Structures are given as C-alpha cells and as structure tokens.
C-alpha cells in the first residue's frame, strides 16, 4: 500500500500494546506520566529513519484517545492524524452487502477479561455510545 499511496515517503510501522493499555487506563480515569508516552513514541521515532518523521497516523481505535498525551510527549513538532475515518471506510468496504438493523442498537463494549467496570469507565464508554458492557 505504501508504494501506491506514499511512494515518495518513508513509511514506518510500529505497534504498541502498552499504548493500548495507557488508552484503556485513561478511559478508567487513570492518568499516566508523560514519560510513559515518550517511551512508546521512542519505539517509533527510534527506528532507522525515525528522525525524519513529521506525521504519525494513529491507526488503532484506541490511540486517538491519547492524542493529546502523545502530542505533549513528542520530542519535536509532529502532526498526529486520527485514523478513525480511514478505519471506518475500510470496515464499510469489508462489510459491503451486509444487512444492517433499521434502528441503531445499543452500543456494547465487550471485554475479554472479567472486570468490574469503574464508574469512570462506564461514563467514558457511555460518552462513546457504549451503554452495555459484556465479558467473553
């Protein structure tokens, strides 16, 4: 894909399970020190060519939740792009032809680990339209 859309750019990819944890902690009302976000950014910026990065696409549904923290922790000006619209377009293509309900159903947050959601987490999820919580 990068050869088709960014042939004149250096494209680096980096995943961060810890950044997902930090975003989920923020939803639960817990704040993490800026140093934790700086450490996660270093995993990307520390790659060969990372010194050339001027734009980061947040291509995970969790990462826009901590965009302000990432901007604050960046060692230099970096433009962060919320990738939600692109993710939504991709899901739309992958689900083309699927029959959707006539009325919007309740939003359901599904967790893979049993947890008792805190009131802060319940409020944060409700703000995103997720008013039901289930565990697999």
Protein backbone atom coordinates (compact mmCIF):
# COMPACT_ATOMS: atom_id res chain seq x y z
CA UNK A 1 0.00 0.00 0.00
CA UNK A 2 2.76 2.49 0.83
CA UNK A 3 4.19 2.10 -2.69
CA UNK A 4 0.80 3.07 -4.11
CA UNK A 5 -0.03 5.99 -1.81
CA UNK A 6 3.31 7.17 -0.39
CA UNK A 7 5.98 6.26 -2.92
CA UNK A 8 7.84 9.50 -2.19
CA UNK A 9 7.74 8.99 1.59
CA UNK A 10 9.47 6.84 4.14
CA UNK A 11 6.73 4.81 5.85
CA UNK A 12 7.48 3.17 9.19
CA UNK A 13 5.08 0.95 11.10
CA UNK A 14 5.01 0.41 14.81
CA UNK A 15 2.54 -1.32 17.10
CA UNK A 16 2.29 -0.70 20.82
CA UNK A 17 0.33 -2.91 23.17
CA UNK A 18 1.41 -0.63 26.02
CA UNK A 19 -0.18 2.38 24.31
CA UNK A 20 -3.45 0.42 24.15
CA UNK A 21 -3.14 -0.18 27.90
CA UNK A 22 -2.50 3.53 28.52
CA UNK A 23 -5.57 4.47 26.46
CA UNK A 24 -7.72 1.98 28.36
CA UNK A 25 -6.37 3.29 31.66
CA UNK A 26 -7.35 6.81 30.61
CA UNK A 27 -10.89 5.58 29.97
CA UNK A 28 -10.91 4.20 33.50
CA UNK A 29 -9.91 7.64 34.81
CA UNK A 30 -6.23 6.89 35.44
CA UNK A 31 -3.58 9.28 34.17
CA UNK A 32 -0.12 8.11 33.21
CA UNK A 33 3.04 10.21 33.35
CA UNK A 34 4.21 11.85 30.12
CA UNK A 35 7.34 9.71 30.30
CA UNK A 36 5.27 6.59 29.50
CA UNK A 37 4.01 8.18 26.29
CA UNK A 38 7.52 9.37 25.44
CA UNK A 39 8.77 5.80 25.85
CA UNK A 40 6.11 4.49 23.47
CA UNK A 41 6.91 7.21 20.92
CA UNK A 42 10.59 6.29 21.12
CA UNK A 43 9.69 2.83 19.80
CA UNK A 44 8.61 4.54 16.60
CA UNK A 45 10.95 7.53 16.45
CA UNK A 46 13.96 5.40 17.43
CA UNK A 47 13.68 3.24 14.30
CA UNK A 48 16.09 3.87 11.43
CA UNK A 49 14.62 6.88 9.64
CA UNK A 50 12.55 7.85 12.68
CA UNK A 51 14.33 11.18 12.87
CA UNK A 52 12.54 12.12 9.62
CA UNK A 53 9.03 11.51 10.96
CA UNK A 54 6.81 14.57 10.76
CA UNK A 55 3.39 12.84 10.68
CA UNK A 56 2.03 9.88 12.62
CA UNK A 57 -1.24 8.19 11.66
CA UNK A 58 -2.97 6.75 14.71
CA UNK A 59 -4.24 3.60 13.01
CA UNK A 60 -5.72 1.91 16.05
CA UNK A 61 -9.11 2.66 17.53
CA UNK A 62 -7.51 3.22 20.95
CA UNK A 63 -4.78 5.68 20.01
CA UNK A 64 -6.89 8.80 19.33
CA UNK A 65 -7.98 8.56 22.97
CA UNK A 66 -4.46 9.67 23.95
CA UNK A 67 -3.63 12.04 21.10
CA UNK A 68 -3.11 14.98 23.47
CA UNK A 69 -0.71 12.95 25.61
CA UNK A 70 1.25 11.88 22.52
CA UNK A 71 1.48 15.46 21.26
CA UNK A 72 2.71 16.63 24.66
CA UNK A 73 5.30 13.84 24.88
CA UNK A 74 6.67 14.26 21.34
CA UNK A 75 10.29 15.48 21.37
CA UNK A 76 9.59 17.79 18.40
CA UNK A 77 6.54 19.02 16.48
CA UNK A 78 4.80 16.00 14.95
CA UNK A 79 1.40 16.01 13.30
CA UNK A 80 -0.82 13.21 14.66
CA UNK A 81 -3.70 12.07 12.45
CA UNK A 82 -6.74 10.32 13.90
CA UNK A 83 -7.13 7.27 11.64
CA UNK A 84 -10.76 6.59 12.63
CA UNK A 85 -12.25 7.75 9.32
CA UNK A 86 -9.92 5.52 7.33
CA UNK A 87 -10.63 2.57 9.62
CA UNK A 88 -14.38 3.17 9.24
CA UNK A 89 -14.08 3.30 5.43
CA UNK A 90 -12.18 0.01 5.45
CA UNK A 91 -14.82 -1.62 7.66
CA UNK A 92 -17.53 -0.31 5.30
CA UNK A 93 -15.77 -1.96 2.34
CA UNK A 94 -15.28 -5.23 4.24
CA UNK A 95 -18.94 -5.34 5.31
CA UNK A 96 -20.41 -4.27 1.97
CA UNK A 97 -23.69 -6.03 1.32
CA UNK A 98 -24.26 -6.83 4.98
CA UNK A 99 -27.79 -6.26 6.22
CA UNK A 100 -27.86 -3.63 8.95
CA UNK A 101 -30.63 -3.14 11.52
CA UNK A 102 -33.21 -0.45 10.75
CA UNK A 103 -32.74 1.17 14.16
CA UNK A 104 -29.40 1.75 15.83
CA UNK A 105 -28.94 -0.90 18.55
CA UNK A 106 -27.43 -0.22 21.95
CA UNK A 107 -23.68 0.04 21.86
CA UNK A 108 -21.96 -2.87 23.54
CA UNK A 109 -18.42 -2.85 24.93
CA UNK A 110 -17.06 -6.39 25.01
CA UNK A 111 -14.12 -7.24 27.24
CA UNK A 112 -12.04 -10.39 27.08
CA UNK A 113 -11.06 -10.20 30.75
CA UNK A 114 -13.52 -10.24 33.62
CA UNK A 115 -13.53 -6.87 35.30
CA UNK A 116 -15.85 -4.77 37.36
CA UNK A 117 -16.01 -1.52 35.42
CA UNK A 118 -15.44 1.59 37.47
CA UNK A 119 -17.97 4.42 37.31
CA UNK A 120 -15.37 6.47 35.38
CA UNK A 121 -15.04 3.71 32.77
CA UNK A 122 -18.82 3.35 32.49
CA UNK A 123 -19.17 7.12 31.92
CA UNK A 124 -16.34 7.17 29.37
CA UNK A 125 -17.82 4.28 27.41
CA UNK A 126 -21.31 5.81 27.55
CA UNK A 127 -19.88 9.01 26.05
CA UNK A 128 -18.97 6.88 23.01
CA UNK A 129 -22.45 5.33 22.86
CA UNK A 130 -21.41 2.08 24.58
CA UNK A 131 -24.03 1.71 27.29
CA UNK A 132 -23.84 -2.06 27.73
CA UNK A 133 -20.79 -3.94 29.00
CA UNK A 134 -20.24 -7.66 28.41
CA UNK A 135 -17.41 -10.11 29.03
CA UNK A 136 -16.49 -13.04 26.76
